Protein backbone atom coordinates (compact mmCIF):
# COMPACT_ATOMS: atom_id res chain seq x y z
CA MET A 1 18.96 -128.80 -33.01
CA SER A 2 15.79 -128.62 -30.98
CA ARG A 3 13.18 -131.33 -31.03
CA GLU A 4 10.64 -128.96 -32.64
CA VAL A 5 13.02 -128.17 -35.52
CA GLU A 6 13.78 -131.86 -36.05
CA ASP A 7 10.06 -132.63 -36.11
CA LEU A 8 9.39 -129.84 -38.62
CA ASN A 9 12.27 -130.99 -40.84
CA ARG A 10 10.99 -134.56 -40.73
CA ARG A 11 7.49 -133.48 -41.72
CA VAL A 12 8.74 -131.28 -44.57
CA LEU A 13 10.95 -134.14 -45.78
CA ARG A 14 7.93 -136.46 -45.74
CA ALA A 15 6.05 -133.95 -47.90
CA ARG A 16 8.99 -133.67 -50.30
CA ASP A 17 9.06 -137.46 -50.61
CA ALA A 18 5.36 -137.36 -51.51
CA MET A 19 6.16 -134.78 -54.19
CA ASP A 20 8.95 -137.02 -55.53
CA ARG A 21 6.58 -139.98 -55.81
CA ALA A 22 4.01 -137.96 -57.76
CA TYR A 23 6.26 -135.49 -59.63
CA PHE A 24 4.31 -136.04 -62.87
CA GLU A 25 1.00 -134.91 -61.34
CA PRO A 26 -0.12 -131.27 -60.96
CA LEU A 27 1.17 -129.68 -57.76
CA ASP A 28 -1.50 -129.13 -55.12
CA VAL A 29 0.39 -127.25 -52.42
CA ARG A 30 -2.48 -127.58 -49.94
CA ALA A 31 -2.49 -131.37 -50.32
CA VAL A 32 1.29 -131.60 -49.95
CA ALA A 33 1.16 -129.25 -46.95
CA SER A 34 -1.41 -131.54 -45.36
CA VAL A 35 1.10 -134.41 -45.60
CA ALA A 36 3.36 -132.29 -43.39
CA HIS A 37 0.40 -131.26 -41.18
CA LEU A 38 1.08 -127.59 -41.92
CA SER A 39 -0.89 -124.72 -43.38
CA ARG A 40 -0.11 -123.83 -46.99
CA ALA A 41 1.77 -120.64 -46.08
CA HIS A 42 3.75 -122.21 -43.22
CA PHE A 43 4.62 -125.19 -45.44
CA ILE A 44 6.00 -122.96 -48.21
CA ARG A 45 8.10 -120.96 -45.70
CA SER A 46 9.35 -124.12 -44.00
CA PHE A 47 10.12 -125.87 -47.30
CA ARG A 48 12.15 -122.89 -48.49
CA ALA A 49 14.02 -122.73 -45.16
CA VAL A 50 14.89 -126.44 -45.28
CA PHE A 51 15.62 -126.91 -49.01
CA GLY A 52 16.47 -123.40 -50.20
CA GLU A 53 13.72 -123.22 -52.83
CA THR A 54 9.94 -123.15 -53.02
CA PRO A 55 7.96 -126.36 -53.49
CA HIS A 56 6.98 -125.23 -57.00
CA ARG A 57 10.59 -124.62 -58.05
CA TYR A 58 11.69 -127.91 -56.48
CA LEU A 59 9.04 -129.77 -58.46
CA GLN A 60 10.05 -128.03 -61.68
CA ARG A 61 13.68 -129.00 -61.10
CA ARG A 62 12.68 -132.59 -60.29
CA ARG A 63 10.68 -132.80 -63.53
CA VAL A 64 13.59 -131.38 -65.54
CA GLU A 65 15.98 -133.92 -63.95
CA ARG A 66 13.66 -136.75 -64.98
CA SER A 67 13.31 -135.32 -68.49
CA MET A 68 17.11 -135.12 -68.80
CA PHE A 69 17.29 -138.86 -68.15
CA LEU A 70 14.53 -139.60 -70.68
CA LEU A 71 16.14 -137.37 -73.31
CA ARG A 72 19.46 -139.22 -72.92
CA GLU A 73 18.15 -142.74 -72.62
CA THR A 74 15.11 -142.88 -74.95
CA ASP A 75 14.15 -141.88 -78.48
CA ARG A 76 10.76 -140.50 -77.41
CA SER A 77 9.82 -137.06 -78.69
CA VAL A 78 10.51 -133.98 -76.60
CA THR A 79 6.77 -133.26 -76.51
CA ASP A 80 5.95 -136.74 -75.17
CA ILE A 81 8.62 -136.39 -72.50
CA CYS A 82 7.32 -132.92 -71.62
CA PHE A 83 3.84 -134.24 -70.85
CA ASP A 84 5.07 -137.48 -69.23
CA VAL A 85 7.09 -135.61 -66.59
CA GLY A 86 4.16 -133.37 -65.67
CA PHE A 87 4.45 -130.19 -67.71
CA THR A 88 1.20 -129.07 -69.33
CA SER A 89 2.80 -126.86 -71.97
CA SER A 90 5.76 -127.57 -74.23
CA GLY A 91 6.64 -123.86 -74.15
CA THR A 92 6.81 -123.82 -70.36
CA PHE A 93 8.81 -127.05 -70.44
CA SER A 94 11.37 -125.65 -72.91
CA ARG A 95 11.70 -122.35 -71.04
CA THR A 96 12.06 -124.05 -67.65
CA PHE A 97 14.49 -126.64 -69.04
CA ARG A 98 16.65 -123.87 -70.55
CA GLU A 99 16.60 -121.88 -67.27
CA ILE A 100 17.73 -124.88 -65.22
CA VAL A 101 20.05 -126.72 -67.63
CA GLY A 102 21.29 -123.86 -69.79
CA GLU A 103 20.27 -125.33 -73.14
CA THR A 104 17.08 -126.42 -74.89
CA PRO A 105 15.82 -130.00 -74.53
CA SER A 106 16.66 -130.73 -78.19
CA ASP A 107 20.20 -129.36 -77.83
CA TYR A 108 20.64 -131.36 -74.63
CA ARG A 109 19.63 -134.57 -76.39
CA VAL A 110 22.11 -133.97 -79.24
CA GLY A 111 24.98 -133.16 -76.88
CA HIS A 112 24.59 -135.94 -74.32
CA GLU A 113 25.07 -139.65 -74.91
CA PRO A 114 23.27 -142.29 -72.84
CA MET A 115 25.07 -142.88 -69.55
CA LEU A 116 26.53 -146.33 -69.14
CA PRO A 117 26.62 -147.96 -65.73
CA PRO A 118 30.08 -148.55 -64.23
CA THR A 119 31.89 -151.62 -65.55
CA CYS A 120 31.61 -153.40 -62.19
CA LEU A 121 27.80 -153.21 -62.41
CA GLN A 122 27.81 -154.36 -66.03
CA MET A 123 29.95 -157.35 -65.07
CA ALA A 124 27.70 -158.19 -62.11
CA ALA A 125 24.65 -158.14 -64.36
CA MET A 126 26.31 -160.59 -66.77
CA ARG A 127 27.30 -163.15 -64.11
CA PRO A 128 25.52 -166.48 -64.43
CA VAL A 129 22.82 -167.19 -61.89
CA VAL A 130 23.46 -170.23 -59.70
CA ALA A 131 20.53 -172.64 -59.86
CA ALA A 132 18.90 -173.75 -56.61
CA GLY A 133 20.42 -176.91 -55.21
CA VAL A 134 23.59 -176.67 -57.31
CA ALA A 135 26.81 -176.38 -55.38
CA MET A 136 28.80 -173.32 -56.32
CA ARG A 137 32.54 -173.72 -56.69
CA SER A 138 34.50 -171.57 -54.29
CA SER A 139 37.30 -169.33 -55.37
CA THR A 140 40.75 -169.90 -53.97
CA PHE A 141 40.11 -166.94 -51.72
CA GLY A 142 37.11 -168.74 -50.21
CA ILE A 143 39.15 -171.91 -49.72
CA ALA A 144 41.94 -169.97 -48.02
CA ALA A 145 39.43 -168.22 -45.77
CA ALA A 146 37.80 -171.55 -44.84
CA ALA A 147 41.17 -173.14 -44.06
CA ALA A 148 42.12 -170.24 -41.81
CA ALA A 149 38.87 -170.44 -39.83
CA PRO A 150 39.07 -172.31 -36.49
């Protein structure tokens, strides 16, 4: 890959990261293009070449992904979630959600339970915190490792 292509990819990625940070705000393609130091038209062409979709479609998908999480994990209304993720119309939100996910936001909520973290993460979160200055007892593995060390 040439240095110019790498530089362009890096700049487009930087712009996409800016979009990710502000996904709930209205999309100003000129402002995002300026993050990549590109004209609006060149940015849209480059974004599509790198990510396979336009910046507008990417942002819609990103908003729908966030709304999927909120629908699963919270009891907030579909309308509140719609506006919180950056849509300005509940009709547009429902239509876009259905196009991307294949079902309406309400049907998605009914059919999907909250996702639980893996058991190993749940166990790690429940481990007691060792207070500062308190010696922690080693496991037998730690003792064996210390004995084997020169």
